[in-house]
Amino acid sequence: MKAPPVLLLLLLGYTDEWGPLGTWGAPMGPPGGLLYPFGPGVGDEATPHEDDGMSPEIFLWKTFSFYGQPHHSLYVNNNGVVSFGTGVPEFTPQPFPLPGHRPFVAPYWADVDTRLGGDVFYRQSQDPELLARLARDLAPAVTPPDPAPVPTWAFVATWHRVSFFGAASKKVNTFQAVLATDGVTSFVMFNYGDIQWTTGISNQGNAHTGMGGIPAQAGFNSGDDVHYYNIPGSRTPAVLSVGRRSNVGVPGRWIFRVDKFTATEGPPISMETPSTPSPPPSTPSPAPTPRRTTKERVYICKW
């Protein structure tokens, strides 16, 4: 149950200085930066400024294979999820796997409210410059004898300075999901900018800090009730440091092959000290094995 309308009207007063009108026309990502270019200047569309909102169904120019299933459309959801088949308005993140046929990618599933600040942008692209950059950036996620990635299509979804439901502060998050494929092999890249909050007030978070309660979830849900992946630290305070960690040696970037999912791991982290994460590895770690069952390894992808 979310806050009553009277409280929401009071909360919306915080948008005067920094809300949707202040962020519309968001600048492109800086050249050479971690995030790919985004915003109206590169042809992005945006979801409505609303709580628990989403894009209309977006029909894809190329088939995107996810856990062995072909998908021809998707939704970009304000609450930090790119979903196939149906939208995801739910604002309480749940651990994967989820019951039912609900395949989706979650760079940062949490209770976003863009009425209080921020924009959610998206576009699909076959721009040669973008695809060439993607090919270079995806290369660390592939090990021989697998061929180097040569994507021919990309989808870029960006959550730019988004606020949380019930925010009584100016804490905002910026993150991005990039889907890429050559029509057969598919990858998902998560890029994290500044992550300042983990929880909205409807999930018992603090209105001033954006912390506490049920923190954000990041990872993948295949929709078959079996195959899944939870980024380490999901639904714990440690998820706040996801932008300082990596599984490919680039802090703030996570890359996964998802047509036949193989988990490329980052280092384990301490759940007790999320503010001081372990340094990222210089090379991708091998895929996990069923023997790794410590508390920090509960995110292992099951096959």
C-alpha atoms as a PDB file:
ATOM      1  CA  MET A   1       0.000   0.000   0.000  1.00  0.00           C
ATOM      2  CA  LYS A   2       1.411   3.353  -0.974  1.00  0.00           C
ATOM      3  CA  ALA A   3       1.056   6.751   0.697  1.00  0.00           C
ATOM      4  CA  PRO A   4      -2.323   8.567   0.664  1.00  0.00           C
ATOM      5  CA  PRO A   5      -2.909  11.326  -1.933  1.00  0.00           C
ATOM      6  CA  VAL A   6      -2.497  14.159   0.607  1.00  0.00           C
ATOM      7  CA  LEU A   7       1.028  13.015   1.455  1.00  0.00           C
ATOM      8  CA  LEU A   8       1.871  12.620  -2.228  1.00  0.00           C
ATOM      9  CA  LEU A   9       0.834  16.218  -2.906  1.00  0.00           C
ATOM     10  CA  LEU A  10       3.203  17.369  -0.178  1.00  0.00           C
ATOM     11  CA  LEU A  11       6.005  15.206  -1.558  1.00  0.00           C
ATOM     12  CA  LEU A  12       5.497  16.462  -5.089  1.00  0.00           C
ATOM     13  CA  GLY A  13       6.343  19.925  -3.841  1.00  0.00           C
ATOM     14  CA  TYR A  14       9.982  18.847  -3.927  1.00  0.00           C
ATOM     15  CA  THR A  15       9.961  18.819  -7.732  1.00  0.00           C
ATOM     16  CA  ASP A  16      10.037  22.610  -8.034  1.00  0.00           C
ATOM     17  CA  GLU A  17      13.830  22.818  -8.199  1.00  0.00           C
ATOM     18  CA  TRP A  18      14.871  19.435  -9.496  1.00  0.00           C
ATOM     19  CA  GLY A  19      11.899  17.516 -10.842  1.00  0.00           C
ATOM     20  CA  PRO A  20      10.927  16.376 -14.347  1.00  0.00           C
ATOM     21  CA  LEU A  21      10.939  19.846 -15.886  1.00  0.00           C
ATOM     22  CA  GLY A  22      14.436  20.389 -14.572  1.00  0.00           C
ATOM     23  CA  THR A  23      15.795  17.193 -16.104  1.00  0.00           C
ATOM     24  CA  TRP A  24      13.901  17.033 -19.396  1.00  0.00           C
ATOM     25  CA  GLY A  25      16.327  17.534 -22.236  1.00  0.00           C
ATOM     26  CA  ALA A  26      18.946  15.614 -20.271  1.00  0.00           C
ATOM     27  CA  PRO A  27      22.451  15.901 -21.709  1.00  0.00           C
ATOM     28  CA  MET A  28      24.007  13.071 -23.639  1.00  0.00           C
ATOM     29  CA  GLY A  29      26.403  10.837 -21.803  1.00  0.00           C
ATOM     30  CA  PRO A  30      29.887  12.383 -21.899  1.00  0.00           C
ATOM     31  CA  PRO A  31      32.233  11.091 -24.618  1.00  0.00           C
ATOM     32  CA  GLY A  32      34.352   8.311 -23.193  1.00  0.00           C
ATOM     33  CA  GLY A  33      32.155   8.004 -20.113  1.00  0.00           C
ATOM     34  CA  LEU A  34      30.792   4.760 -18.727  1.00  0.00           C
ATOM     35  CA  LEU A  35      27.195   5.392 -19.827  1.00  0.00           C
ATOM     36  CA  TYR A  36      26.253   5.336 -23.473  1.00  0.00           C
ATOM     37  CA  PRO A  37      24.780   8.549 -24.935  1.00  0.00           C
ATOM     38  CA  PHE A  38      21.161   9.153 -23.935  1.00  0.00           C
ATOM     39  CA  GLY A  39      18.442  11.776 -24.002  1.00  0.00           C
ATOM     40  CA  PRO A  40      16.359  13.549 -26.658  1.00  0.00           C
ATOM     41  CA  GLY A  41      19.528  14.707 -28.411  1.00  0.00           C
ATOM     42  CA  VAL A  42      20.226  11.151 -29.586  1.00  0.00           C
ATOM     43  CA  GLY A  43      16.618  10.321 -30.414  1.00  0.00           C
ATOM     44  CA  ASP A  44      15.514   8.780 -27.132  1.00  0.00           C
ATOM     45  CA  GLU A  45      11.886   8.522 -26.143  1.00  0.00           C
ATOM     46  CA  ALA A  46      10.829   8.722 -22.497  1.00  0.00           C
ATOM     47  CA  THR A  47       8.328   7.004 -20.261  1.00  0.00           C
ATOM     48  CA  PRO A  48       5.583   9.106 -18.600  1.00  0.00           C
ATOM     49  CA  HIS A  49       6.461  10.950 -15.410  1.00  0.00           C
ATOM     50  CA  GLU A  50       4.438   8.821 -13.038  1.00  0.00           C
ATOM     51  CA  ASP A  51       4.769   6.409 -10.163  1.00  0.00           C
ATOM     52  CA  ASP A  52       5.211   2.767 -11.248  1.00  0.00           C
ATOM     53  CA  GLY A  53       4.842   3.770 -14.915  1.00  0.00           C
ATOM     54  CA  MET A  54       6.224   2.144 -18.044  1.00  0.00           C
ATOM     55  CA  SER A  55       6.657   2.532 -21.785  1.00  0.00           C
ATOM     56  CA  PRO A  56       4.163   1.174 -24.308  1.00  0.00           C
ATOM     57  CA  GLU A  57       5.063  -2.188 -25.827  1.00  0.00           C
ATOM     58  CA  ILE A  58       8.172  -1.658 -27.971  1.00  0.00           C
ATOM     59  CA  PHE A  59       8.472  -3.913 -31.022  1.00  0.00           C
ATOM     60  CA  LEU A  60      12.086  -4.840 -31.709  1.00  0.00           C
ATOM     61  CA  TRP A  61      13.834  -4.545 -35.048  1.00  0.00           C
ATOM     62  CA  LYS A  62      15.706  -7.796 -34.329  1.00  0.00           C
ATOM     63  CA  THR A  63      14.817 -10.881 -32.327  1.00  0.00           C
ATOM     64  CA  PHE A  64      16.463 -10.848 -28.897  1.00  0.00           C
ATOM     65  CA  SER A  65      17.213 -14.281 -27.414  1.00  0.00           C
ATOM     66  CA  PHE A  66      16.988 -14.455 -23.618  1.00  0.00           C
ATOM     67  CA  TYR A  67      17.682 -17.756 -21.843  1.00  0.00           C
ATOM     68  CA  GLY A  68      17.022 -19.580 -25.111  1.00  0.00           C
ATOM     69  CA  GLN A  69      13.666 -17.920 -25.772  1.00  0.00           C
ATOM     70  CA  PRO A  70      13.177 -15.483 -28.693  1.00  0.00           C
ATOM     71  CA  HIS A  71      11.565 -12.145 -27.888  1.00  0.00           C
ATOM     72  CA  HIS A  72      10.170  -9.626 -30.345  1.00  0.00           C
ATOM     73  CA  SER A  73       9.051  -6.833 -27.995  1.00  0.00           C
ATOM     74  CA  LEU A  74       9.742  -5.419 -24.560  1.00  0.00           C
ATOM     75  CA  TYR A  75       8.710  -2.800 -21.994  1.00  0.00           C
ATOM     76  CA  VAL A  76      10.852  -0.264 -20.153  1.00  0.00           C
ATOM     77  CA  ASN A  77       9.518   0.045 -16.615  1.00  0.00           C
ATOM     78  CA  ASN A  78      10.120   3.067 -14.408  1.00  0.00           C
ATOM     79  CA  ASN A  79      10.953   0.799 -11.457  1.00  0.00           C
ATOM     80  CA  GLY A  80      14.299  -0.232 -12.975  1.00  0.00           C
ATOM     81  CA  VAL A  81      13.255  -3.214 -15.105  1.00  0.00           C
ATOM     82  CA  VAL A  82      13.276  -4.104 -18.825  1.00  0.00           C
ATOM     83  CA  SER A  83      10.669  -6.845 -19.277  1.00  0.00           C
ATOM     84  CA  PHE A  84       9.534  -9.177 -22.047  1.00  0.00           C
ATOM     85  CA  GLY A  85       5.894 -10.028 -22.665  1.00  0.00           C
ATOM     86  CA  THR A  86       4.347  -7.842 -19.981  1.00  0.00           C
ATOM     87  CA  GLY A  87       5.078  -4.718 -17.969  1.00  0.00           C
ATOM     88  CA  VAL A  88       6.321  -4.823 -14.375  1.00  0.00           C
ATOM     89  CA  PRO A  89       4.562  -2.157 -12.274  1.00  0.00           C
ATOM     90  CA  GLU A  90       5.471  -3.882  -8.978  1.00  0.00           C
ATOM     91  CA  PHE A  91       7.472  -1.594  -6.719  1.00  0.00           C
ATOM     92  CA  THR A  92       8.708  -4.165  -4.173  1.00  0.00           C
ATOM     93  CA  PRO A  93      11.782  -6.040  -5.465  1.00  0.00           C
ATOM     94  CA  GLN A  94      11.710  -9.811  -5.001  1.00  0.00           C
ATOM     95  CA  PRO A  95      14.594 -12.292  -5.090  1.00  0.00           C
ATOM     96  CA  PHE A  96      14.962 -14.364  -8.242  1.00  0.00           C
ATOM     97  CA  PRO A  97      13.690 -16.809  -9.422  1.00  0.00           C
ATOM     98  CA  LEU A  98      10.140 -15.480  -9.512  1.00  0.00           C
ATOM     99  CA  PRO A  99       7.179 -17.827 -10.018  1.00  0.00           C
ATOM    100  CA  GLY A 100       5.275 -17.606 -13.277  1.00  0.00           C
ATOM    101  CA  HIS A 101       6.358 -16.738 -16.801  1.00  0.00           C
ATOM    102  CA  ARG A 102       7.917 -13.311 -16.207  1.00  0.00           C
ATOM    103  CA  PRO A 103      11.209 -12.928 -18.070  1.00  0.00           C
ATOM    104  CA  PHE A 104      12.981  -9.659 -17.380  1.00  0.00           C
ATOM    105  CA  VAL A 105      16.258  -7.836 -16.895  1.00  0.00           C
ATOM    106  CA  ALA A 106      16.634  -5.731 -13.745  1.00  0.00           C
ATOM    107  CA  PRO A 107      19.543  -3.292 -13.621  1.00  0.00           C
ATOM    108  CA  TYR A 108      18.093  -1.790 -10.390  1.00  0.00           C
ATOM    109  CA  TRP A 109      14.594  -2.924  -9.407  1.00  0.00           C
ATOM    110  CA  ALA A 110      13.343  -0.467  -6.807  1.00  0.00           C
ATOM    111  CA  ASP A 111      10.467   1.968  -6.201  1.00  0.00           C
ATOM    112  CA  VAL A 112      11.199   4.797  -8.655  1.00  0.00           C
ATOM    113  CA  ASP A 113       8.886   7.824  -8.801  1.00  0.00           C
ATOM    114  CA  THR A 114       9.751  10.138 -11.697  1.00  0.00           C
ATOM    115  CA  ARG A 115       7.091  12.630 -10.572  1.00  0.00           C
ATOM    116  CA  LEU A 116       9.613  13.574  -7.904  1.00  0.00           C
ATOM    117  CA  GLY A 117      12.586  13.786 -10.242  1.00  0.00           C
ATOM    118  CA  GLY A 118      14.346  12.236 -13.197  1.00  0.00           C
ATOM    119  CA  ASP A 119      13.614  10.663 -16.568  1.00  0.00           C
ATOM    120  CA  VAL A 120      13.579   7.171 -18.036  1.00  0.00           C
ATOM    121  CA  PHE A 121      14.846   7.220 -21.631  1.00  0.00           C
ATOM    122  CA  TYR A 122      14.991   4.450 -24.233  1.00  0.00           C
ATOM    123  CA  ARG A 123      15.773   3.780 -27.886  1.00  0.00           C
ATOM    124  CA  GLN A 124      16.775   0.971 -30.217  1.00  0.00           C
ATOM    125  CA  SER A 125      19.611   1.623 -32.617  1.00  0.00           C
ATOM    126  CA  GLN A 126      21.687   0.258 -35.455  1.00  0.00           C
ATOM    127  CA  ASP A 127      24.034   3.227 -35.500  1.00  0.00           C
ATOM    128  CA  PRO A 128      27.473   1.981 -36.682  1.00  0.00           C
ATOM    129  CA  GLU A 129      29.374   4.119 -34.154  1.00  0.00           C
ATOM    130  CA  LEU A 130      27.306   2.822 -31.240  1.00  0.00           C
ATOM    131  CA  LEU A 131      27.642  -0.772 -32.408  1.00  0.00           C
ATOM    132  CA  ALA A 132      31.410  -0.448 -32.836  1.00  0.00           C
ATOM    133  CA  ARG A 133      31.752   0.877 -29.294  1.00  0.00           C
ATOM    134  CA  LEU A 134      29.555  -1.951 -28.022  1.00  0.00           C
ATOM    135  CA  ALA A 135      31.714  -4.542 -29.766  1.00  0.00           C
ATOM    136  CA  ARG A 136      34.807  -3.169 -28.020  1.00  0.00           C
ATOM    137  CA  ASP A 137      33.143  -2.922 -24.620  1.00  0.00           C
ATOM    138  CA  LEU A 138      31.583  -6.394 -24.774  1.00  0.00           C
ATOM    139  CA  ALA A 139      34.859  -8.120 -25.641  1.00  0.00           C
ATOM    140  CA  PRO A 140      35.996  -8.643 -21.987  1.00  0.00           C
ATOM    141  CA  ALA A 141      32.886 -10.769 -21.345  1.00  0.00           C
ATOM    142  CA  VAL A 142      33.946 -13.361 -23.947  1.00  0.00           C
ATOM    143  CA  THR A 143      36.665 -15.961 -23.548  1.00  0.00           C
ATOM    144  CA  PRO A 144      38.127 -18.197 -26.287  1.00  0.00           C
ATOM    145  CA  PRO A 145      37.063 -20.193 -28.181  1.00  0.00           C
ATOM    146  CA  ASP A 146      33.890 -18.086 -28.284  1.00  0.00           C
ATOM    147  CA  PRO A 147      34.055 -15.492 -31.083  1.00  0.00           C
ATOM    148  CA  ALA A 148      34.291 -11.786 -30.327  1.00  0.00           C
ATOM    149  CA  PRO A 149      30.901 -10.025 -30.159  1.00  0.00           C
ATOM    150  CA  VAL A 150      29.786  -8.230 -33.332  1.00  0.00           C
ATOM    151  CA  PRO A 151      26.355  -6.769 -32.460  1.00  0.00           C
ATOM    152  CA  THR A 152      24.109  -5.544 -35.245  1.00  0.00           C
ATOM    153  CA  TRP A 153      21.384  -4.077 -33.007  1.00  0.00           C
ATOM    154  CA  ALA A 154      21.215  -2.418 -29.613  1.00  0.00           C
ATOM    155  CA  PHE A 155      18.609  -1.196 -27.163  1.00  0.00           C
ATOM    156  CA  VAL A 156      19.617   1.465 -24.630  1.00  0.00           C
ATOM    157  CA  ALA A 157      17.460   2.219 -21.571  1.00  0.00           C
ATOM    158  CA  THR A 158      18.640   4.921 -19.156  1.00  0.00           C
ATOM    159  CA  TRP A 159      17.283   5.915 -15.756  1.00  0.00           C
ATOM    160  CA  HIS A 160      18.645   9.439 -15.366  1.00  0.00           C
ATOM    161  CA  ARG A 161      18.671  11.024 -11.887  1.00  0.00           C
ATOM    162  CA  VAL A 162      15.511   9.201 -10.823  1.00  0.00           C
ATOM    163  CA  SER A 163      14.024   9.739  -7.382  1.00  0.00           C
ATOM    164  CA  PHE A 164      12.330   7.226  -5.089  1.00  0.00           C
ATOM    165  CA  PHE A 165       8.725   7.053  -3.939  1.00  0.00           C
ATOM    166  CA  GLY A 166       8.178   9.231  -0.882  1.00  0.00           C
ATOM    167  CA  ALA A 167      11.493  11.079  -1.222  1.00  0.00           C
ATOM    168  CA  ALA A 168      11.980  14.005   1.145  1.00  0.00           C
ATOM    169  CA  SER A 169      15.505  14.627  -0.131  1.00  0.00           C
ATOM    170  CA  LYS A 170      17.292  15.155  -3.428  1.00  0.00           C
ATOM    171  CA  LYS A 171      18.888  11.707  -3.541  1.00  0.00           C
ATOM    172  CA  VAL A 172      18.756  10.286  -7.087  1.00  0.00           C
ATOM    173  CA  ASN A 173      20.087   7.312  -9.065  1.00  0.00           C
ATOM    174  CA  THR A 174      21.480   7.064 -12.588  1.00  0.00           C
ATOM    175  CA  PHE A 175      21.920   3.697 -14.306  1.00  0.00           C
ATOM    176  CA  GLN A 176      21.547   2.058 -17.690  1.00  0.00           C
ATOM    177  CA  ALA A 177      20.750  -1.270 -19.357  1.00  0.00           C
ATOM    178  CA  VAL A 178      22.071  -2.000 -22.850  1.00  0.00           C
ATOM    179  CA  LEU A 179      20.798  -5.013 -24.803  1.00  0.00           C
ATOM    180  CA  ALA A 180      22.815  -6.083 -27.850  1.00  0.00           C
ATOM    181  CA  THR A 181      22.565  -8.921 -30.353  1.00  0.00           C
ATOM    182  CA  ASP A 182      23.718 -10.125 -33.774  1.00  0.00           C
ATOM    183  CA  GLY A 183      20.423 -11.974 -34.150  1.00  0.00           C
ATOM    184  CA  VAL A 184      21.759 -15.100 -32.443  1.00  0.00           C
ATOM    185  CA  THR A 185      24.165 -14.214 -29.627  1.00  0.00           C
ATOM    186  CA  SER A 186      22.756 -11.774 -27.049  1.00  0.00           C
ATOM    187  CA  PHE A 187      24.358  -9.677 -24.330  1.00  0.00           C
ATOM    188  CA  VAL A 188      23.129  -7.409 -21.560  1.00  0.00           C
ATOM    189  CA  MET A 189      25.302  -4.659 -20.120  1.00  0.00           C
ATOM    190  CA  PHE A 190      24.504  -2.761 -16.908  1.00  0.00           C
ATOM    191  CA  ASN A 191      26.182   0.635 -16.493  1.00  0.00           C
ATOM    192  CA  TYR A 192      25.890   2.411 -13.136  1.00  0.00           C
ATOM    193  CA  GLY A 193      26.396   6.103 -12.572  1.00  0.00           C
ATOM    194  CA  ASP A 194      25.772   7.720  -9.200  1.00  0.00           C
ATOM    195  CA  ILE A 195      23.679   5.406  -6.970  1.00  0.00           C
ATOM    196  CA  GLN A 196      22.436   7.308  -3.903  1.00  0.00           C
ATOM    197  CA  TRP A 197      19.407   5.368  -2.660  1.00  0.00           C
ATOM    198  CA  THR A 198      18.151   1.780  -2.349  1.00  0.00           C
ATOM    199  CA  THR A 199      14.572   1.909  -1.049  1.00  0.00           C
ATOM    200  CA  GLY A 200      11.300   3.853  -1.283  1.00  0.00           C
ATOM    201  CA  ILE A 201       9.105   4.536   1.735  1.00  0.00           C
ATOM    202  CA  SER A 202       6.495   1.914   0.731  1.00  0.00           C
ATOM    203  CA  ASN A 203       9.211  -0.697   1.224  1.00  0.00           C
ATOM    204  CA  GLN A 204      10.042   0.680   4.688  1.00  0.00           C
ATOM    205  CA  GLY A 205      12.796   2.956   3.448  1.00  0.00           C
ATOM    206  CA  ASN A 206      13.692   6.260   5.098  1.00  0.00           C
ATOM    207  CA  ALA A 207      12.224   9.293   3.290  1.00  0.00           C
ATOM    208  CA  HIS A 208      15.409  11.336   3.858  1.00  0.00           C
ATOM    209  CA  THR A 209      18.145   8.745   3.263  1.00  0.00           C
ATOM    210  CA  GLY A 210      16.438   6.384   0.794  1.00  0.00           C
ATOM    211  CA  MET A 211      17.915   3.498   2.790  1.00  0.00           C
ATOM    212  CA  GLY A 212      16.631   0.642   4.930  1.00  0.00           C
ATOM    213  CA  GLY A 213      13.651  -1.651   4.463  1.00  0.00           C
ATOM    214  CA  ILE A 214      13.793  -3.858   1.353  1.00  0.00           C
ATOM    215  CA  PRO A 215      16.686  -2.645  -0.846  1.00  0.00           C
ATOM    216  CA  ALA A 216      16.889  -2.855  -4.638  1.00  0.00           C
ATOM    217  CA  GLN A 217      17.317  -6.074  -6.616  1.00  0.00           C
ATOM    218  CA  ALA A 218      19.612  -6.434  -9.648  1.00  0.00           C
ATOM    219  CA  GLY A 219      19.963  -9.359 -12.024  1.00  0.00           C
ATOM    220  CA  PHE A 220      17.895 -11.548 -14.354  1.00  0.00           C
ATOM    221  CA  ASN A 221      14.764 -13.663 -14.166  1.00  0.00           C
ATOM    222  CA  SER A 222      14.344 -16.182 -17.008  1.00  0.00           C
ATOM    223  CA  GLY A 223      10.616 -16.779 -16.525  1.00  0.00           C
ATOM    224  CA  ASP A 224      10.969 -20.575 -16.326  1.00  0.00           C
ATOM    225  CA  ASP A 225      11.112 -20.694 -12.490  1.00  0.00           C
ATOM    226  CA  VAL A 226      14.576 -22.302 -12.654  1.00  0.00           C
ATOM    227  CA  HIS A 227      17.201 -20.116 -14.326  1.00  0.00           C
ATOM    228  CA  TYR A 228      18.096 -16.800 -12.752  1.00  0.00           C
ATOM    229  CA  TYR A 229      20.943 -14.579 -11.611  1.00  0.00           C
ATOM    230  CA  ASN A 230      21.146 -12.197  -8.635  1.00  0.00           C
ATOM    231  CA  ILE A 231      23.965  -9.652  -8.687  1.00  0.00           C
ATOM    232  CA  PRO A 232      25.811  -9.991  -5.360  1.00  0.00           C
ATOM    233  CA  GLY A 233      24.462  -7.631  -2.725  1.00  0.00           C
ATOM    234  CA  SER A 234      20.943  -7.535  -4.175  1.00  0.00           C
ATOM    235  CA  ARG A 235      18.203  -6.836  -1.601  1.00  0.00           C
ATOM    236  CA  THR A 236      20.847  -5.943   0.998  1.00  0.00           C
ATOM    237  CA  PRO A 237      22.444  -2.573   1.850  1.00  0.00           C
ATOM    238  CA  ALA A 238      25.439  -3.707  -0.253  1.00  0.00           C
ATOM    239  CA  VAL A 239      23.507  -3.027  -3.457  1.00  0.00           C
ATOM    240  CA  LEU A 240      24.325   0.661  -2.942  1.00  0.00           C
ATOM    241  CA  SER A 241      27.912  -0.121  -3.980  1.00  0.00           C
ATOM    242  CA  VAL A 242      26.991  -1.843  -7.252  1.00  0.00           C
ATOM    243  CA  GLY A 243      28.332   1.167  -9.162  1.00  0.00           C
ATOM    244  CA  ARG A 244      31.786   0.672  -7.622  1.00  0.00           C
ATOM    245  CA  ARG A 245      31.996  -3.016  -8.463  1.00  0.00           C
ATOM    246  CA  SER A 246      32.156  -5.015 -11.706  1.00  0.00           C
ATOM    247  CA  ASN A 247      32.433  -8.478 -13.208  1.00  0.00           C
ATOM    248  CA  VAL A 248      34.614  -7.308 -16.126  1.00  0.00           C
ATOM    249  CA  GLY A 249      37.209  -5.120 -14.413  1.00  0.00           C
ATOM    250  CA  VAL A 250      35.483  -1.788 -15.129  1.00  0.00           C
ATOM    251  CA  PRO A 251      33.949  -0.316 -11.938  1.00  0.00           C
ATOM    252  CA  GLY A 252      30.255   0.353 -12.471  1.00  0.00           C
ATOM    253  CA  ARG A 253      29.883  -2.019 -15.447  1.00  0.00           C
ATOM    254  CA  TRP A 254      28.472  -5.557 -15.507  1.00  0.00           C
ATOM    255  CA  ILE A 255      28.213  -7.638 -18.708  1.00  0.00           C
ATOM    256  CA  PHE A 256      26.458 -10.954 -19.297  1.00  0.00           C
ATOM    257  CA  ARG A 257      25.820 -13.218 -22.245  1.00  0.00           C
ATOM    258  CA  VAL A 258      22.127 -14.065 -21.990  1.00  0.00           C
ATOM    259  CA  ASP A 259      21.066 -16.137 -25.030  1.00  0.00           C
ATOM    260  CA  LYS A 260      22.562 -19.162 -23.267  1.00  0.00           C
ATOM    261  CA  PHE A 261      23.253 -17.574 -19.943  1.00  0.00           C
ATOM    262  CA  THR A 262      26.698 -17.896 -18.406  1.00  0.00           C
ATOM    263  CA  ALA A 263      27.457 -15.972 -15.237  1.00  0.00           C
ATOM    264  CA  THR A 264      30.639 -13.921 -15.318  1.00  0.00           C
ATOM    265  CA  GLU A 265      31.328 -13.258 -11.657  1.00  0.00           C
ATOM    266  CA  GLY A 266      32.731 -10.288  -9.832  1.00  0.00           C
ATOM    267  CA  PRO A 267      34.533 -10.771  -6.505  1.00  0.00           C
ATOM    268  CA  PRO A 268      32.581 -11.766  -3.388  1.00  0.00           C
ATOM    269  CA  ILE A 269      31.604  -8.906  -1.105  1.00  0.00           C
ATOM    270  CA  SER A 270      31.015  -8.635   2.607  1.00  0.00           C
ATOM    271  CA  MET A 271      27.367  -8.107   3.476  1.00  0.00           C
ATOM    272  CA  GLU A 272      28.448  -6.379   6.685  1.00  0.00           C
ATOM    273  CA  THR A 273      30.615  -3.691   5.039  1.00  0.00           C
ATOM    274  CA  PRO A 274      28.910  -2.590   1.807  1.00  0.00           C
ATOM    275  CA  SER A 275      30.653   0.788   1.830  1.00  0.00           C
ATOM    276  CA  THR A 276      34.066  -0.819   1.222  1.00  0.00           C
ATOM    277  CA  PRO A 277      33.610  -3.293  -1.638  1.00  0.00           C
ATOM    278  CA  SER A 278      36.391  -5.549  -2.843  1.00  0.00           C
ATOM    279  CA  PRO A 279      38.345  -4.220  -5.827  1.00  0.00           C
ATOM    280  CA  PRO A 280      37.196  -5.468  -9.230  1.00  0.00           C
ATOM    281  CA  PRO A 281      39.226  -8.197 -10.935  1.00  0.00           C
ATOM    282  CA  SER A 282      41.545  -7.329 -13.803  1.00  0.00           C
ATOM    283  CA  THR A 283      40.108 -10.158 -15.916  1.00  0.00           C
ATOM    284  CA  PRO A 284      36.719 -11.863 -15.972  1.00  0.00           C
ATOM    285  CA  SER A 285      36.336 -14.645 -13.441  1.00  0.00           C
ATOM    286  CA  PRO A 286      35.204 -18.109 -14.581  1.00  0.00           C
ATOM    287  CA  ALA A 287      31.555 -19.078 -14.444  1.00  0.00           C
ATOM    288  CA  PRO A 288      30.414 -20.239 -10.979  1.00  0.00           C
ATOM    289  CA  THR A 289      30.008 -23.893 -10.074  1.00  0.00           C
ATOM    290  CA  PRO A 290      27.405 -25.509  -7.800  1.00  0.00           C
ATOM    291  CA  ARG A 291      30.054 -26.038  -5.060  1.00  0.00           C
ATOM    292  CA  ARG A 292      30.160 -22.309  -4.241  1.00  0.00           C
ATOM    293  CA  THR A 293      27.359 -22.080  -1.727  1.00  0.00           C
ATOM    294  CA  THR A 294      28.520 -19.535   0.875  1.00  0.00           C
ATOM    295  CA  LYS A 295      26.172 -16.781   1.990  1.00  0.00           C
ATOM    296  CA  GLU A 296      27.661 -14.403  -0.575  1.00  0.00           C
ATOM    297  CA  ARG A 297      27.091 -16.955  -3.352  1.00  0.00           C
ATOM    298  CA  VAL A 298      23.318 -17.305  -3.114  1.00  0.00           C
ATOM    299  CA  TYR A 299      23.079 -15.466  -6.426  1.00  0.00           C
ATOM    300  CA  ILE A 300      24.598 -18.368  -8.417  1.00  0.00           C
ATOM    301  CA  CYS A 301      22.794 -19.166 -11.664  1.00  0.00           C
ATOM    302  CA  LYS A 302      21.298 -22.685 -11.439  1.00  0.00           C
ATOM    303  CA  TRP A 303      21.326 -25.000 -14.457  1.00  0.00           C
END
